[in-house]
Amino acid sequence: MAPHGTPAAVIDKLQGETAKILNDAAIKARADAVGLYLSSSTPAEFADFIKNEAARWQPVVKKSGLHFD
């Protein structure tokens, strides 16, 4: 996540560095030890994921009566 309007070059740099960290063997081993699953994706894949999750959970949120002020 980044603020709206963040330049694409900055987003790409952040994504690349994050992917390097998440693919580091030592980091993966520590995450595995506590039951975490690490993964990274492209900015476009992440945007699609967020859109799909919002659509998926919308009926649950609506039914629950939750709302954001």
PDB file of N, CA and C in Angstrom:
ATOM      1  N   MET A   1       0.841  -1.169   0.000  1.00  0.00           N
ATOM      2  CA  MET A   1       0.000   0.000   0.000  1.00  0.00           C
ATOM      3  C   MET A   1       0.896   1.246   0.000  1.00  0.00           C
ATOM      4  N   ALA A   2       0.423   2.252  -0.680  1.00  0.00           N
ATOM      5  CA  ALA A   2       1.133   3.525  -0.725  1.00  0.00           C
ATOM      6  C   ALA A   2       0.089   4.619  -0.949  1.00  0.00           C
ATOM      7  N   PRO A   3       0.402   5.831  -0.597  1.00  0.00           N
ATOM      8  CA  PRO A   3      -0.553   6.917  -0.813  1.00  0.00           C
ATOM      9  C   PRO A   3      -0.921   7.071  -2.289  1.00  0.00           C
ATOM     10  N   HIS A   4      -2.155   7.463  -2.526  1.00  0.00           N
ATOM     11  CA  HIS A   4      -2.616   7.732  -3.887  1.00  0.00           C
ATOM     12  C   HIS A   4      -1.685   8.756  -4.527  1.00  0.00           C
ATOM     13  N   GLY A   5      -1.326   8.501  -5.772  1.00  0.00           N
ATOM     14  CA  GLY A   5      -0.471   9.426  -6.497  1.00  0.00           C
ATOM     15  C   GLY A   5       1.018   9.140  -6.366  1.00  0.00           C
ATOM     16  N   THR A   6       1.364   8.091  -5.619  1.00  0.00           N
ATOM     17  CA  THR A   6       2.784   7.739  -5.511  1.00  0.00           C
ATOM     18  C   THR A   6       3.293   7.369  -6.903  1.00  0.00           C
ATOM     19  N   PRO A   7       4.404   7.930  -7.338  1.00  0.00           N
ATOM     20  CA  PRO A   7       4.918   7.630  -8.681  1.00  0.00           C
ATOM     21  C   PRO A   7       5.150   6.130  -8.892  1.00  0.00           C
ATOM     22  N   ALA A   8       4.876   5.667 -10.105  1.00  0.00           N
ATOM     23  CA  ALA A   8       5.031   4.249 -10.440  1.00  0.00           C
ATOM     24  C   ALA A   8       6.450   3.765 -10.170  1.00  0.00           C
ATOM     25  N   ALA A   9       7.436   4.585 -10.422  1.00  0.00           N
ATOM     26  CA  ALA A   9       8.826   4.190 -10.183  1.00  0.00           C
ATOM     27  C   ALA A   9       9.066   3.885  -8.705  1.00  0.00           C
ATOM     28  N   VAL A  10       8.446   4.655  -7.839  1.00  0.00           N
ATOM     29  CA  VAL A  10       8.589   4.432  -6.396  1.00  0.00           C
ATOM     30  C   VAL A  10       7.878   3.133  -6.014  1.00  0.00           C
ATOM     31  N   ILE A  11       6.680   2.933  -6.539  1.00  0.00           N
ATOM     32  CA  ILE A  11       5.928   1.703  -6.273  1.00  0.00           C
ATOM     33  C   ILE A  11       6.743   0.489  -6.729  1.00  0.00           C
ATOM     34  N   ASP A  12       7.292   0.561  -7.919  1.00  0.00           N
ATOM     35  CA  ASP A  12       8.082  -0.548  -8.456  1.00  0.00           C
ATOM     36  C   ASP A  12       9.309  -0.828  -7.586  1.00  0.00           C
ATOM     37  N   LYS A  13       9.956   0.224  -7.127  1.00  0.00           N
ATOM     38  CA  LYS A  13      11.132   0.063  -6.263  1.00  0.00           C
ATOM     39  C   LYS A  13      10.735  -0.591  -4.938  1.00  0.00           C
ATOM     40  N   LEU A  14       9.659  -0.123  -4.338  1.00  0.00           N
ATOM     41  CA  LEU A  14       9.183  -0.703  -3.080  1.00  0.00           C
ATOM     42  C   LEU A  14       8.815  -2.177  -3.259  1.00  0.00           C
ATOM     43  N   GLN A  15       8.125  -2.474  -4.347  1.00  0.00           N
ATOM     44  CA  GLN A  15       7.716  -3.857  -4.608  1.00  0.00           C
ATOM     45  C   GLN A  15       8.937  -4.743  -4.801  1.00  0.00           C
ATOM     46  N   GLY A  16       9.903  -4.290  -5.553  1.00  0.00           N
ATOM     47  CA  GLY A  16      11.107  -5.070  -5.799  1.00  0.00           C
ATOM     48  C   GLY A  16      11.888  -5.359  -4.530  1.00  0.00           C
ATOM     49  N   GLU A  17      12.046  -4.343  -3.701  1.00  0.00           N
ATOM     50  CA  GLU A  17      12.787  -4.522  -2.447  1.00  0.00           C
ATOM     51  C   GLU A  17      12.017  -5.422  -1.485  1.00  0.00           C
ATOM     52  N   THR A  18      10.698  -5.259  -1.447  1.00  0.00           N
ATOM     53  CA  THR A  18       9.872  -6.116  -0.583  1.00  0.00           C
ATOM     54  C   THR A  18       9.973  -7.567  -1.032  1.00  0.00           C
ATOM     55  N   ALA A  19       9.905  -7.810  -2.330  1.00  0.00           N
ATOM     56  CA  ALA A  19      10.026  -9.175  -2.860  1.00  0.00           C
ATOM     57  C   ALA A  19      11.372  -9.784  -2.485  1.00  0.00           C
ATOM     58  N   LYS A  20      12.452  -8.998  -2.572  1.00  0.00           N
ATOM     59  CA  LYS A  20      13.770  -9.505  -2.181  1.00  0.00           C
ATOM     60  C   LYS A  20      13.774  -9.952  -0.723  1.00  0.00           C
ATOM     61  N   ILE A  21      13.206  -9.131   0.132  1.00  0.00           N
ATOM     62  CA  ILE A  21      13.166  -9.447   1.565  1.00  0.00           C
ATOM     63  C   ILE A  21      12.334 -10.699   1.806  1.00  0.00           C
ATOM     64  N   LEU A  22      11.164 -10.764   1.195  1.00  0.00           N
ATOM     65  CA  LEU A  22      10.278 -11.903   1.421  1.00  0.00           C
ATOM     66  C   LEU A  22      10.820 -13.201   0.839  1.00  0.00           C
ATOM     67  N   ASN A  23      11.718 -13.110  -0.124  1.00  0.00           N
ATOM     68  CA  ASN A  23      12.325 -14.305  -0.717  1.00  0.00           C
ATOM     69  C   ASN A  23      13.654 -14.700  -0.069  1.00  0.00           C
ATOM     70  N   ASP A  24      14.107 -13.934   0.892  1.00  0.00           N
ATOM     71  CA  ASP A  24      15.340 -14.249   1.601  1.00  0.00           C
ATOM     72  C   ASP A  24      15.127 -15.522   2.440  1.00  0.00           C
ATOM     73  N   ALA A  25      16.053 -16.482   2.313  1.00  0.00           N
ATOM     74  CA  ALA A  25      15.915 -17.771   2.990  1.00  0.00           C
ATOM     75  C   ALA A  25      15.801 -17.626   4.513  1.00  0.00           C
ATOM     76  N   ALA A  26      16.579 -16.733   5.096  1.00  0.00           N
ATOM     77  CA  ALA A  26      16.539 -16.554   6.553  1.00  0.00           C
ATOM     78  C   ALA A  26      15.204 -15.971   6.996  1.00  0.00           C
ATOM     79  N   ILE A  27      14.686 -15.023   6.225  1.00  0.00           N
ATOM     80  CA  ILE A  27      13.385 -14.425   6.555  1.00  0.00           C
ATOM     81  C   ILE A  27      12.294 -15.490   6.421  1.00  0.00           C
ATOM     82  N   LYS A  28      12.346 -16.270   5.335  1.00  0.00           N
ATOM     83  CA  LYS A  28      11.351 -17.327   5.137  1.00  0.00           C
ATOM     84  C   LYS A  28      11.395 -18.341   6.280  1.00  0.00           C
ATOM     85  N   ALA A  29      12.576 -18.711   6.709  1.00  0.00           N
ATOM     86  CA  ALA A  29      12.705 -19.677   7.800  1.00  0.00           C
ATOM     87  C   ALA A  29      12.098 -19.141   9.090  1.00  0.00           C
ATOM     88  N   ARG A  30      12.345 -17.881   9.385  1.00  0.00           N
ATOM     89  CA  ARG A  30      11.770 -17.282  10.606  1.00  0.00           C
ATOM     90  C   ARG A  30      10.253 -17.203  10.513  1.00  0.00           C
ATOM     91  N   ALA A  31       9.739 -16.855   9.327  1.00  0.00           N
ATOM     92  CA  ALA A  31       8.290 -16.783   9.139  1.00  0.00           C
ATOM     93  C   ALA A  31       7.669 -18.171   9.270  1.00  0.00           C
ATOM     94  N   ASP A  32       8.287 -19.156   8.638  1.00  0.00           N
ATOM     95  CA  ASP A  32       7.791 -20.532   8.728  1.00  0.00           C
ATOM     96  C   ASP A  32       7.741 -21.004  10.174  1.00  0.00           C
ATOM     97  N   ALA A  33       8.736 -20.628  10.961  1.00  0.00           N
ATOM     98  CA  ALA A  33       8.815 -21.059  12.352  1.00  0.00           C
ATOM     99  C   ALA A  33       7.642 -20.567  13.191  1.00  0.00           C
ATOM    100  N   VAL A  34       7.043 -19.466  12.792  1.00  0.00           N
ATOM    101  CA  VAL A  34       5.899 -18.938  13.553  1.00  0.00           C
ATOM    102  C   VAL A  34       4.585 -19.080  12.792  1.00  0.00           C
ATOM    103  N   GLY A  35       4.626 -19.864  11.716  1.00  0.00           N
ATOM    104  CA  GLY A  35       3.394 -20.166  10.988  1.00  0.00           C
ATOM    105  C   GLY A  35       2.924 -19.117  10.005  1.00  0.00           C
ATOM    106  N   LEU A  36       3.824 -18.278   9.541  1.00  0.00           N
ATOM    107  CA  LEU A  36       3.441 -17.259   8.565  1.00  0.00           C
ATOM    108  C   LEU A  36       3.756 -17.728   7.154  1.00  0.00           C
ATOM    109  N   TYR A  37       2.915 -17.349   6.226  1.00  0.00           N
ATOM    110  CA  TYR A  37       3.143 -17.638   4.814  1.00  0.00           C
ATOM    111  C   TYR A  37       3.429 -16.320   4.119  1.00  0.00           C
ATOM    112  N   LEU A  38       4.634 -16.169   3.600  1.00  0.00           N
ATOM    113  CA  LEU A  38       5.031 -14.933   2.931  1.00  0.00           C
ATOM    114  C   LEU A  38       4.856 -15.065   1.430  1.00  0.00           C
ATOM    115  N   SER A  39       4.343 -14.026   0.810  1.00  0.00           N
ATOM    116  CA  SER A  39       4.265 -14.002  -0.649  1.00  0.00           C
ATOM    117  C   SER A  39       4.301 -12.552  -1.111  1.00  0.00           C
ATOM    118  N   SER A  40       4.668 -12.378  -2.348  1.00  0.00           N
ATOM    119  CA  SER A  40       4.647 -11.039  -2.931  1.00  0.00           C
ATOM    120  C   SER A  40       3.981 -11.127  -4.290  1.00  0.00           C
ATOM    121  N   SER A  41       3.589  -9.998  -4.801  1.00  0.00           N
ATOM    122  CA  SER A  41       2.922  -9.940  -6.099  1.00  0.00           C
ATOM    123  C   SER A  41       3.255  -8.611  -6.751  1.00  0.00           C
ATOM    124  N   THR A  42       2.853  -8.480  -7.999  1.00  0.00           N
ATOM    125  CA  THR A  42       3.047  -7.202  -8.671  1.00  0.00           C
ATOM    126  C   THR A  42       1.993  -6.224  -8.164  1.00  0.00           C
ATOM    127  N   PRO A  43       2.207  -4.928  -8.374  1.00  0.00           N
ATOM    128  CA  PRO A  43       1.179  -3.965  -7.985  1.00  0.00           C
ATOM    129  C   PRO A  43      -0.178  -4.252  -8.653  1.00  0.00           C
ATOM    130  N   ALA A  44      -0.182  -4.667  -9.909  1.00  0.00           N
ATOM    131  CA  ALA A  44      -1.439  -4.965 -10.596  1.00  0.00           C
ATOM    132  C   ALA A  44      -2.131  -6.186  -9.988  1.00  0.00           C
ATOM    133  N   GLU A  45      -1.349  -7.217  -9.665  1.00  0.00           N
ATOM    134  CA  GLU A  45      -1.926  -8.407  -9.031  1.00  0.00           C
ATOM    135  C   GLU A  45      -2.508  -8.066  -7.665  1.00  0.00           C
ATOM    136  N   PHE A  46      -1.814  -7.233  -6.913  1.00  0.00           N
ATOM    137  CA  PHE A  46      -2.312  -6.841  -5.597  1.00  0.00           C
ATOM    138  C   PHE A  46      -3.590  -6.022  -5.720  1.00  0.00           C
ATOM    139  N   ALA A  47      -3.640  -5.118  -6.680  1.00  0.00           N
ATOM    140  CA  ALA A  47      -4.859  -4.323  -6.901  1.00  0.00           C
ATOM    141  C   ALA A  47      -6.032  -5.236  -7.240  1.00  0.00           C
ATOM    142  N   ASP A  48      -5.806  -6.228  -8.088  1.00  0.00           N
ATOM    143  CA  ASP A  48      -6.862  -7.188  -8.414  1.00  0.00           C
ATOM    144  C   ASP A  48      -7.301  -7.964  -7.182  1.00  0.00           C
ATOM    145  N   PHE A  49      -6.351  -8.361  -6.361  1.00  0.00           N
ATOM    146  CA  PHE A  49      -6.669  -9.090  -5.134  1.00  0.00           C
ATOM    147  C   PHE A  49      -7.571  -8.253  -4.223  1.00  0.00           C
ATOM    148  N   ILE A  50      -7.219  -6.998  -4.030  1.00  0.00           N
ATOM    149  CA  ILE A  50      -8.006  -6.117  -3.171  1.00  0.00           C
ATOM    150  C   ILE A  50      -9.416  -5.950  -3.726  1.00  0.00           C
ATOM    151  N   LYS A  51      -9.539  -5.731  -5.035  1.00  0.00           N
ATOM    152  CA  LYS A  51     -10.857  -5.590  -5.662  1.00  0.00           C
ATOM    153  C   LYS A  51     -11.694  -6.850  -5.472  1.00  0.00           C
ATOM    154  N   ASN A  52     -11.077  -8.006  -5.686  1.00  0.00           N
ATOM    155  CA  ASN A  52     -11.797  -9.271  -5.533  1.00  0.00           C
ATOM    156  C   ASN A  52     -12.220  -9.516  -4.091  1.00  0.00           C
ATOM    157  N   GLU A  53     -11.345  -9.213  -3.153  1.00  0.00           N
ATOM    158  CA  GLU A  53     -11.681  -9.396  -1.741  1.00  0.00           C
ATOM    159  C   GLU A  53     -12.792  -8.441  -1.302  1.00  0.00           C
ATOM    160  N   ALA A  54     -12.760  -7.215  -1.794  1.00  0.00           N
ATOM    161  CA  ALA A  54     -13.820  -6.256  -1.457  1.00  0.00           C
ATOM    162  C   ALA A  54     -15.162  -6.772  -1.959  1.00  0.00           C
ATOM    163  N   ALA A  55     -15.191  -7.279  -3.177  1.00  0.00           N
ATOM    164  CA  ALA A  55     -16.430  -7.824  -3.729  1.00  0.00           C
ATOM    165  C   ALA A  55     -16.860  -9.072  -2.967  1.00  0.00           C
ATOM    166  N   ARG A  56     -15.914  -9.897  -2.615  1.00  0.00           N
ATOM    167  CA  ARG A  56     -16.206 -11.150  -1.897  1.00  0.00           C
ATOM    168  C   ARG A  56     -16.830 -10.901  -0.535  1.00  0.00           C
ATOM    169  N   TRP A  57     -16.306  -9.921   0.180  1.00  0.00           N
ATOM    170  CA  TRP A  57     -16.753  -9.679   1.550  1.00  0.00           C
ATOM    171  C   TRP A  57     -17.882  -8.657   1.665  1.00  0.00           C
ATOM    172  N   GLN A  58     -18.214  -7.980   0.586  1.00  0.00           N
ATOM    173  CA  GLN A  58     -19.268  -6.971   0.633  1.00  0.00           C
ATOM    174  C   GLN A  58     -20.584  -7.518   1.199  1.00  0.00           C
ATOM    175  N   PRO A  59     -21.063  -8.683   0.758  1.00  0.00           N
ATOM    176  CA  PRO A  59     -22.321  -9.190   1.324  1.00  0.00           C
ATOM    177  C   PRO A  59     -22.243  -9.454   2.827  1.00  0.00           C
ATOM    178  N   VAL A  60     -21.107  -9.915   3.301  1.00  0.00           N
ATOM    179  CA  VAL A  60     -20.947 -10.184   4.732  1.00  0.00           C
ATOM    180  C   VAL A  60     -20.997  -8.880   5.517  1.00  0.00           C
ATOM    181  N   VAL A  61     -20.283  -7.882   5.034  1.00  0.00           N
ATOM    182  CA  VAL A  61     -20.262  -6.585   5.714  1.00  0.00           C
ATOM    183  C   VAL A  61     -21.656  -5.968   5.700  1.00  0.00           C
ATOM    184  N   LYS A  62     -22.318  -6.033   4.572  1.00  0.00           N
ATOM    185  CA  LYS A  62     -23.666  -5.454   4.459  1.00  0.00           C
ATOM    186  C   LYS A  62     -24.620  -6.151   5.421  1.00  0.00           C
ATOM    187  N   LYS A  63     -24.580  -7.465   5.453  1.00  0.00           N
ATOM    188  CA  LYS A  63     -25.463  -8.240   6.327  1.00  0.00           C
ATOM    189  C   LYS A  63     -25.193  -7.968   7.791  1.00  0.00           C
ATOM    190  N   SER A  64     -23.926  -7.729   8.126  1.00  0.00           N
ATOM    191  CA  SER A  64     -23.555  -7.500   9.535  1.00  0.00           C
ATOM    192  C   SER A  64     -23.985  -6.125  10.038  1.00  0.00           C
ATOM    193  N   GLY A  65     -24.213  -5.197   9.109  1.00  0.00           N
ATOM    194  CA  GLY A  65     -24.567  -3.837   9.510  1.00  0.00           C
ATOM    195  C   GLY A  65     -23.376  -2.966   9.823  1.00  0.00           C
ATOM    196  N   LEU A  66     -22.169  -3.479   9.600  1.00  0.00           N
ATOM    197  CA  LEU A  66     -20.965  -2.680   9.824  1.00  0.00           C
ATOM    198  C   LEU A  66     -20.891  -1.541   8.820  1.00  0.00           C
ATOM    199  N   HIS A  67     -20.299  -0.436   9.242  1.00  0.00           N
ATOM    200  CA  HIS A  67     -20.073   0.684   8.320  1.00  0.00           C
ATOM    201  C   HIS A  67     -18.912   1.508   8.830  1.00  0.00           C
ATOM    202  N   PHE A  68     -18.310   2.228   7.918  1.00  0.00           N
ATOM    203  CA  PHE A  68     -17.209   3.110   8.259  1.00  0.00           C
ATOM    204  C   PHE A  68     -17.714   4.542   8.268  1.00  0.00           C
ATOM    205  N   ASP A  69     -17.344   5.270   9.274  1.00  0.00           N
ATOM    206  CA  ASP A  69     -17.730   6.682   9.350  1.00  0.00           C
ATOM    207  C   ASP A  69     -16.657   7.562   8.788  1.00  0.00           C
TER     208      ASP A  69
END
